[in-house]
PDB file of N, CA and C in Angstrom:
ATOM      1  N   MET A   1     131.630 101.357  85.314  1.00  0.00           N
ATOM      2  CA  MET A   1     130.647 101.810  84.826  1.00  0.00           C
ATOM      3  C   MET A   1     129.701 101.320  85.301  1.00  0.00           C
ATOM      4  N   LYS A   2     130.086  99.258  85.604  1.00  0.00           N
ATOM      5  CA  LYS A   2     128.305  98.826  86.479  1.00  0.00           C
ATOM      6  C   LYS A   2     128.057  99.739  88.076  1.00  0.00           C
ATOM      7  N   GLU A   3     129.341 100.639  88.180  1.00  0.00           N
ATOM      8  CA  GLU A   3     128.446 101.791  89.484  1.00  0.00           C
ATOM      9  C   GLU A   3     127.996 102.582  88.563  1.00  0.00           C
ATOM     10  N   THR A   4     128.116 103.249  87.850  1.00  0.00           N
ATOM     11  CA  THR A   4     127.562 103.980  86.853  1.00  0.00           C
ATOM     12  C   THR A   4     125.995 103.874  86.637  1.00  0.00           C
ATOM     13  N   ILE A   5     125.886 102.830  86.026  1.00  0.00           N
ATOM     14  CA  ILE A   5     124.331 102.343  85.213  1.00  0.00           C
ATOM     15  C   ILE A   5     124.022 101.946  86.787  1.00  0.00           C
ATOM     16  N   GLN A   6     124.194 101.779  87.748  1.00  0.00           N
ATOM     17  CA  GLN A   6     123.587 101.236  89.068  1.00  0.00           C
ATOM     18  C   GLN A   6     123.045 102.828  89.771  1.00  0.00           C
ATOM     19  N   ARG A   7     123.997 103.573  89.556  1.00  0.00           N
ATOM     20  CA  ARG A   7     123.986 104.795  89.977  1.00  0.00           C
ATOM     21  C   ARG A   7     122.697 105.520  89.723  1.00  0.00           C
ATOM     22  N   ASP A   8     122.330 105.370  88.090  1.00  0.00           N
ATOM     23  CA  ASP A   8     121.652 106.166  87.152  1.00  0.00           C
ATOM     24  C   ASP A   8     120.048 105.869  87.643  1.00  0.00           C
ATOM     25  N   ALA A   9     120.664 104.301  87.258  1.00  0.00           N
ATOM     26  CA  ALA A   9     119.145 103.509  87.836  1.00  0.00           C
ATOM     27  C   ALA A   9     118.526 104.125  88.843  1.00  0.00           C
ATOM     28  N   PHE A  10     119.207 104.068  90.291  1.00  0.00           N
ATOM     29  CA  PHE A  10     118.812 104.679  91.651  1.00  0.00           C
ATOM     30  C   PHE A  10     118.324 105.519  91.752  1.00  0.00           C
ATOM     31  N   LYS A  11     119.097 106.149  90.575  1.00  0.00           N
ATOM     32  CA  LYS A  11     118.202 107.931  90.749  1.00  0.00           C
ATOM     33  C   LYS A  11     117.152 107.809  90.254  1.00  0.00           C
ATOM     34  N   PHE A  12     117.038 106.802  89.267  1.00  0.00           N
ATOM     35  CA  PHE A  12     115.682 106.805  88.479  1.00  0.00           C
ATOM     36  C   PHE A  12     114.386 106.764  89.365  1.00  0.00           C
ATOM     37  N   SER A  13     115.026 105.053  90.000  1.00  0.00           N
ATOM     38  CA  SER A  13     113.971 104.972  90.919  1.00  0.00           C
ATOM     39  C   SER A  13     112.993 106.029  92.184  1.00  0.00           C
ATOM     40  N   VAL A  14     114.542 106.312  92.429  1.00  0.00           N
ATOM     41  CA  VAL A  14     113.669 107.302  93.584  1.00  0.00           C
ATOM     42  C   VAL A  14     112.992 108.456  93.592  1.00  0.00           C
ATOM     43  N   GLY A  15     113.699 108.912  91.551  1.00  0.00           N
ATOM     44  CA  GLY A  15     112.720 110.410  91.264  1.00  0.00           C
ATOM     45  C   GLY A  15     111.503 109.826  90.787  1.00  0.00           C
ATOM     46  N   ARG A  16     110.986 108.392  90.565  1.00  0.00           N
ATOM     47  CA  ARG A  16     109.762 107.992  90.509  1.00  0.00           C
ATOM     48  C   ARG A  16     108.695 108.035  91.887  1.00  0.00           C
ATOM     49  N   ALA A  17     109.724 107.539  92.537  1.00  0.00           N
ATOM     50  CA  ALA A  17     108.482 107.462  94.250  1.00  0.00           C
ATOM     51  C   ALA A  17     108.147 109.007  94.748  1.00  0.00           C
ATOM     52  N   ILE A  18     109.207 109.775  94.392  1.00  0.00           N
ATOM     53  CA  ILE A  18     109.170 111.188  94.769  1.00  0.00           C
ATOM     54  C   ILE A  18     108.630 111.276  96.402  1.00  0.00           C
ATOM     55  N   PHE A  19     108.352 110.517  97.383  1.00  0.00           N
ATOM     56  CA  PHE A  19     107.780 110.356  98.635  1.00  0.00           C
ATOM     57  C   PHE A  19     108.609 108.971  98.792  1.00  0.00           C
ATOM     58  N   CYS A  20     108.867 109.862 100.058  1.00  0.00           N
ATOM     59  CA  CYS A  20     108.884 108.102 101.222  1.00  0.00           C
ATOM     60  C   CYS A  20     108.202 107.157 101.198  1.00  0.00           C
ATOM     61  N   ALA A  21     108.236 105.886 101.326  1.00  0.00           N
ATOM     62  CA  ALA A  21     107.488 105.168 101.448  1.00  0.00           C
ATOM     63  C   ALA A  21     106.367 105.086 102.327  1.00  0.00           C
ATOM     64  N   ILE A  22     107.206 105.367 103.815  1.00  0.00           N
ATOM     65  CA  ILE A  22     106.625 105.874 105.350  1.00  0.00           C
ATOM     66  C   ILE A  22     105.182 106.385 104.849  1.00  0.00           C
ATOM     67  N   PRO A  23     104.090 106.209 105.150  1.00  0.00           N
ATOM     68  CA  PRO A  23     103.235 107.431 104.457  1.00  0.00           C
ATOM     69  C   PRO A  23     103.291 108.062 105.339  1.00  0.00           C
ATOM     70  N   GLU A  24     103.777 108.067 106.795  1.00  0.00           N
ATOM     71  CA  GLU A  24     104.036 109.117 108.300  1.00  0.00           C
ATOM     72  C   GLU A  24     104.830 110.466 108.053  1.00  0.00           C
ATOM     73  N   CYS A  25     105.779 109.376 107.092  1.00  0.00           N
ATOM     74  CA  CYS A  25     106.945 110.286 106.879  1.00  0.00           C
ATOM     75  C   CYS A  25     106.650 111.114 106.426  1.00  0.00           C
ATOM     76  N   GLY A  26     106.716 111.116 105.285  1.00  0.00           N
ATOM     77  CA  GLY A  26     106.364 112.229 103.978  1.00  0.00           C
ATOM     78  C   GLY A  26     107.353 113.109 103.128  1.00  0.00           C
ATOM     79  N   VAL A  27     108.434 112.764 103.836  1.00  0.00           N
ATOM     80  CA  VAL A  27     109.694 113.253 103.470  1.00  0.00           C
ATOM     81  C   VAL A  27     110.002 113.402 101.561  1.00  0.00           C
ATOM     82  N   ILE A  28     110.277 114.599 101.026  1.00  0.00           N
ATOM     83  CA  ILE A  28     110.705 114.090  99.299  1.00  0.00           C
ATOM     84  C   ILE A  28     112.370 113.590  99.420  1.00  0.00           C
ATOM     85  N   LEU A  29     112.246 112.735  98.627  1.00  0.00           N
ATOM     86  CA  LEU A  29     113.156 111.664  98.964  1.00  0.00           C
ATOM     87  C   LEU A  29     114.831 112.690  98.120  1.00  0.00           C
ATOM     88  N   ASP A  30     115.626 112.282  98.391  1.00  0.00           N
ATOM     89  CA  ASP A  30     116.683 112.722  97.523  1.00  0.00           C
ATOM     90  C   ASP A  30     117.600 111.667  97.400  1.00  0.00           C
ATOM     91  N   TRP A  31     117.947 111.194  96.339  1.00  0.00           N
ATOM     92  CA  TRP A  31     118.730 109.980  96.134  1.00  0.00           C
ATOM     93  C   TRP A  31     119.685 109.984  96.871  1.00  0.00           C
ATOM     94  N   LYS A  32     120.842 110.679  97.684  1.00  0.00           N
ATOM     95  CA  LYS A  32     122.011 110.754  98.146  1.00  0.00           C
ATOM     96  C   LYS A  32     121.546 110.331  99.403  1.00  0.00           C
ATOM     97  N   ARG A  33     120.193 110.219 100.024  1.00  0.00           N
ATOM     98  CA  ARG A  33     119.331 110.018 101.375  1.00  0.00           C
ATOM     99  C   ARG A  33     118.479 109.404 101.150  1.00  0.00           C
ATOM    100  N   ALA A  34     118.578 107.924 100.659  1.00  0.00           N
ATOM    101  CA  ALA A  34     117.300 107.768 100.476  1.00  0.00           C
ATOM    102  C   ALA A  34     117.908 105.573 100.192  1.00  0.00           C
ATOM    103  N   ALA A  35     117.073 104.939 100.493  1.00  0.00           N
ATOM    104  CA  ALA A  35     117.363 103.587 100.159  1.00  0.00           C
ATOM    105  C   ALA A  35     115.818 102.767 100.003  1.00  0.00           C
ATOM    106  N   GLU A  36     116.580 102.058  98.713  1.00  0.00           N
ATOM    107  CA  GLU A  36     115.464 100.799  97.754  1.00  0.00           C
ATOM    108  C   GLU A  36     115.591 100.086  98.137  1.00  0.00           C
ATOM    109  N   PHE A  37     114.257  99.065  98.314  1.00  0.00           N
ATOM    110  CA  PHE A  37     114.521  97.794  99.097  1.00  0.00           C
ATOM    111  C   PHE A  37     113.766  96.589  97.950  1.00  0.00           C
ATOM    112  N   SER A  38     114.318  95.630  97.638  1.00  0.00           N
ATOM    113  CA  SER A  38     113.729  95.538  96.595  1.00  0.00           C
ATOM    114  C   SER A  38     113.315  93.358  97.011  1.00  0.00           C
ATOM    115  N   ALA A  39     112.446  93.113  96.977  1.00  0.00           N
ATOM    116  CA  ALA A  39     112.061  91.623  97.163  1.00  0.00           C
ATOM    117  C   ALA A  39     111.933  90.936  96.183  1.00  0.00           C
ATOM    118  N   CYS A  40     112.924  89.760  96.335  1.00  0.00           N
ATOM    119  CA  CYS A  40     113.376  88.889  95.854  1.00  0.00           C
ATOM    120  C   CYS A  40     112.876  87.446  95.768  1.00  0.00           C
ATOM    121  N   LYS A  41     112.232  87.022  94.695  1.00  0.00           N
ATOM    122  CA  LYS A  41     112.193  85.486  95.124  1.00  0.00           C
ATOM    123  C   LYS A  41     113.002  84.908  93.780  1.00  0.00           C
ATOM    124  N   GLY A  42     113.681  84.273  93.854  1.00  0.00           N
ATOM    125  CA  GLY A  42     114.356  83.312  93.225  1.00  0.00           C
ATOM    126  C   GLY A  42     114.944  84.457  92.353  1.00  0.00           C
ATOM    127  N   ALA A  43     114.868  84.463  90.841  1.00  0.00           N
ATOM    128  CA  ALA A  43     115.359  85.888  90.296  1.00  0.00           C
ATOM    129  C   ALA A  43     114.439  86.741  89.914  1.00  0.00           C
ATOM    130  N   GLN A  44     113.352  86.604  90.450  1.00  0.00           N
ATOM    131  CA  GLN A  44     112.189  87.207  90.222  1.00  0.00           C
ATOM    132  C   GLN A  44     112.342  88.667  90.979  1.00  0.00           C
ATOM    133  N   TYR A  45     112.046  89.800  91.155  1.00  0.00           N
ATOM    134  CA  TYR A  45     111.800  91.213  91.699  1.00  0.00           C
ATOM    135  C   TYR A  45     109.866  90.990  91.837  1.00  0.00           C
ATOM    136  N   VAL A  46     109.473  90.570  93.331  1.00  0.00           N
ATOM    137  CA  VAL A  46     108.507  91.064  93.441  1.00  0.00           C
ATOM    138  C   VAL A  46     108.053  91.989  93.812  1.00  0.00           C
ATOM    139  N   SER A  47     108.760  93.068  94.452  1.00  0.00           N
ATOM    140  CA  SER A  47     108.244  94.790  94.949  1.00  0.00           C
ATOM    141  C   SER A  47     109.326  95.409  95.844  1.00  0.00           C
ATOM    142  N   ILE A  48     109.395  96.527  95.111  1.00  0.00           N
ATOM    143  CA  ILE A  48     110.505  97.138  95.093  1.00  0.00           C
ATOM    144  C   ILE A  48     109.410  98.443  95.954  1.00  0.00           C
ATOM    145  N   LYS A  49     110.316  99.411  96.728  1.00  0.00           N
ATOM    146  CA  LYS A  49     110.195 100.121  97.966  1.00  0.00           C
ATOM    147  C   LYS A  49     110.918 101.155  97.506  1.00  0.00           C
ATOM    148  N   VAL A  50     110.990 102.019  97.751  1.00  0.00           N
ATOM    149  CA  VAL A  50     112.059 103.644  98.285  1.00  0.00           C
ATOM    150  C   VAL A  50     111.679 104.395  99.869  1.00  0.00           C
ATOM    151  N   PHE A  51     112.584 104.188 100.605  1.00  0.00           N
ATOM    152  CA  PHE A  51     112.554 104.700 101.723  1.00  0.00           C
ATOM    153  C   PHE A  51     113.736 105.795 102.154  1.00  0.00           C
ATOM    154  N   CYS A  52     113.355 106.896 103.096  1.00  0.00           N
ATOM    155  CA  CYS A  52     114.199 107.790 103.124  1.00  0.00           C
ATOM    156  C   CYS A  52     115.302 106.769 104.041  1.00  0.00           C
ATOM    157  N   ALA A  53     116.334 107.618 104.499  1.00  0.00           N
ATOM    158  CA  ALA A  53     117.332 107.087 104.767  1.00  0.00           C
ATOM    159  C   ALA A  53     116.668 106.651 106.412  1.00  0.00           C
ATOM    160  N   GLU A  54     116.157 108.150 107.106  1.00  0.00           N
ATOM    161  CA  GLU A  54     116.501 107.429 108.553  1.00  0.00           C
ATOM    162  C   GLU A  54     115.028 106.038 108.773  1.00  0.00           C
ATOM    163  N   CYS A  55     114.005 105.661 108.343  1.00  0.00           N
ATOM    164  CA  CYS A  55     113.075 104.971 107.883  1.00  0.00           C
ATOM    165  C   CYS A  55     113.672 103.799 107.647  1.00  0.00           C
ATOM    166  N   ALA A  56     114.465 104.071 106.201  1.00  0.00           N
ATOM    167  CA  ALA A  56     114.861 102.416 105.578  1.00  0.00           C
ATOM    168  C   ALA A  56     115.615 101.791 106.576  1.00  0.00           C
ATOM    169  N   ASP A  57     116.644 103.026 107.634  1.00  0.00           N
ATOM    170  CA  ASP A  57     117.353 102.051 108.935  1.00  0.00           C
ATOM    171  C   ASP A  57     116.647 101.320 110.051  1.00  0.00           C
ATOM    172  N   ARG A  58     115.349 102.544 110.248  1.00  0.00           N
ATOM    173  CA  ARG A  58     114.272 101.048 111.049  1.00  0.00           C
ATOM    174  C   ARG A  58     113.387 100.061 110.887  1.00  0.00           C
ATOM    175  N   VAL A  59     113.071 100.786 109.600  1.00  0.00           N
ATOM    176  CA  VAL A  59     112.234  98.705 108.912  1.00  0.00           C
ATOM    177  C   VAL A  59     112.993  97.676 108.507  1.00  0.00           C
ATOM    178  N   ARG A  60     114.658  98.249 108.050  1.00  0.00           N
ATOM    179  CA  ARG A  60     115.050  96.983 107.715  1.00  0.00           C
ATOM    180  C   ARG A  60     114.826  96.010 108.393  1.00  0.00           C
ATOM    181  N   PRO A  61     115.172  95.769 109.417  1.00  0.00           N
ATOM    182  CA  PRO A  61     115.405  94.275 110.419  1.00  0.00           C
ATOM    183  C   PRO A  61     114.140  93.529 110.429  1.00  0.00           C
ATOM    184  N   SER A  62     113.361  94.618 110.677  1.00  0.00           N
ATOM    185  CA  SER A  62     111.768  93.681 110.966  1.00  0.00           C
ATOM    186  C   SER A  62     111.680  93.170 109.234  1.00  0.00           C
ATOM    187  N   ILE A  63     111.853  94.179 107.828  1.00  0.00           N
ATOM    188  CA  ILE A  63     111.063  93.806 106.464  1.00  0.00           C
ATOM    189  C   ILE A  63     112.048  92.411 105.933  1.00  0.00           C
ATOM    190  N   GLU A  64     113.700  92.428 106.801  1.00  0.00           N
ATOM    191  CA  GLU A  64     114.244  91.084 106.994  1.00  0.00           C
ATOM    192  C   GLU A  64     113.394  90.135 106.377  1.00  0.00           C
ATOM    193  N   ALA A  65     113.588  89.992 108.257  1.00  0.00           N
ATOM    194  CA  ALA A  65     112.877  88.990 109.066  1.00  0.00           C
ATOM    195  C   ALA A  65     111.568  88.356 108.476  1.00  0.00           C
ATOM    196  N   LYS A  66     110.653  89.192 107.851  1.00  0.00           N
ATOM    197  CA  LYS A  66     109.131  88.921 107.082  1.00  0.00           C
ATOM    198  C   LYS A  66     109.382  87.987 106.269  1.00  0.00           C
ATOM    199  N   LEU A  67     110.401  88.651 105.684  1.00  0.00           N
ATOM    200  CA  LEU A  67     110.722  88.428 104.265  1.00  0.00           C
ATOM    201  C   LEU A  67     111.068  86.659 104.343  1.00  0.00           C
ATOM    202  N   THR A  68     112.458  86.425 105.137  1.00  0.00           N
ATOM    203  CA  THR A  68     113.252  85.400 105.092  1.00  0.00           C
ATOM    204  C   THR A  68     111.809  83.900 105.748  1.00  0.00           C
ATOM    205  N   ASP A  69     111.027  84.686 106.777  1.00  0.00           N
ATOM    206  CA  ASP A  69     110.336  83.602 107.145  1.00  0.00           C
ATOM    207  C   ASP A  69     109.032  83.407 105.544  1.00  0.00           C
ATOM    208  N   LEU A  70     109.478  84.629 105.044  1.00  0.00           N
ATOM    209  CA  LEU A  70     108.783  84.020 103.334  1.00  0.00           C
ATOM    210  C   LEU A  70     109.397  82.992 101.950  1.00  0.00           C
ATOM    211  N   GLY A  71     109.997  83.057 102.902  1.00  0.00           N
ATOM    212  CA  GLY A  71     111.509  82.342 101.583  1.00  0.00           C
ATOM    213  C   GLY A  71     112.423  83.105 100.476  1.00  0.00           C
ATOM    214  N   MET A  72     112.381  84.608 100.570  1.00  0.00           N
ATOM    215  CA  MET A  72     112.371  85.281 100.134  1.00  0.00           C
ATOM    216  C   MET A  72     113.384  85.918 100.930  1.00  0.00           C
ATOM    217  N   ARG A  73     114.000  87.346  99.897  1.00  0.00           N
ATOM    218  CA  ARG A  73     115.396  88.229 100.220  1.00  0.00           C
ATOM    219  C   ARG A  73     114.922  89.151  99.723  1.00  0.00           C
ATOM    220  N   LEU A  74     115.545  90.137 100.934  1.00  0.00           N
ATOM    221  CA  LEU A  74     116.124  91.463 100.605  1.00  0.00           C
ATOM    222  C   LEU A  74     117.685  92.269  99.738  1.00  0.00           C
ATOM    223  N   GLU A  75     116.857  92.330  98.457  1.00  0.00           N
ATOM    224  CA  GLU A  75     117.908  93.798  97.792  1.00  0.00           C
ATOM    225  C   GLU A  75     118.628  95.047  98.269  1.00  0.00           C
ATOM    226  N   VAL A  76     119.367  95.634  98.890  1.00  0.00           N
ATOM    227  CA  VAL A  76     118.934  96.956  99.466  1.00  0.00           C
ATOM    228  C   VAL A  76     119.990  97.571  98.126  1.00  0.00           C
ATOM    229  N   ALA A  77     119.771  99.034  97.862  1.00  0.00           N
ATOM    230  CA  ALA A  77     120.012  99.785  97.067  1.00  0.00           C
ATOM    231  C   ALA A  77     120.243 101.203  97.924  1.00  0.00           C
ATOM    232  N   ASP A  78     121.997 101.756  98.674  1.00  0.00           N
ATOM    233  CA  ASP A  78     121.779 102.903  99.304  1.00  0.00           C
ATOM    234  C   ASP A  78     122.292 103.771  98.629  1.00  0.00           C
ATOM    235  N   GLY A  79     121.463 104.393  99.262  1.00  0.00           N
ATOM    236  CA  GLY A  79     122.199 105.930  98.173  1.00  0.00           C
ATOM    237  C   GLY A  79     123.284 106.670  99.245  1.00  0.00           C
ATOM    238  N   ARG A  80     123.271 106.722 100.018  1.00  0.00           N
ATOM    239  CA  ARG A  80     124.462 106.255 100.963  1.00  0.00           C
ATOM    240  C   ARG A  80     125.472 106.154 100.888  1.00  0.00           C
ATOM    241  N   LYS A  81     125.831 104.798 100.507  1.00  0.00           N
ATOM    242  CA  LYS A  81     126.551 104.379  99.420  1.00  0.00           C
ATOM    243  C   LYS A  81     127.642 104.523  98.481  1.00  0.00           C
ATOM    244  N   LEU A  82     126.619 104.941  98.214  1.00  0.00           N
ATOM    245  CA  LEU A  82     126.624 104.722  96.211  1.00  0.00           C
ATOM    246  C   LEU A  82     127.419 106.075  95.593  1.00  0.00           C
TER     247      LEU A  82
END
């Protein structure tokens, strides 16, 4: 049940974004090949971005490093794993 709710929420988020968050990419998102990055400070979500899988794999290390420096954490929902 929990996985179904997470998958449906993820599909909604990807559908709202429509395109990859990297402007140069411009890929139309499909929930099975997208990743949602949520920047969190404590229990609060500060920012949520959706990337295509290729861009997500490329930018994840740098985003994690920057958020760690700011005292934040990164939560990732990956459509390839849902």
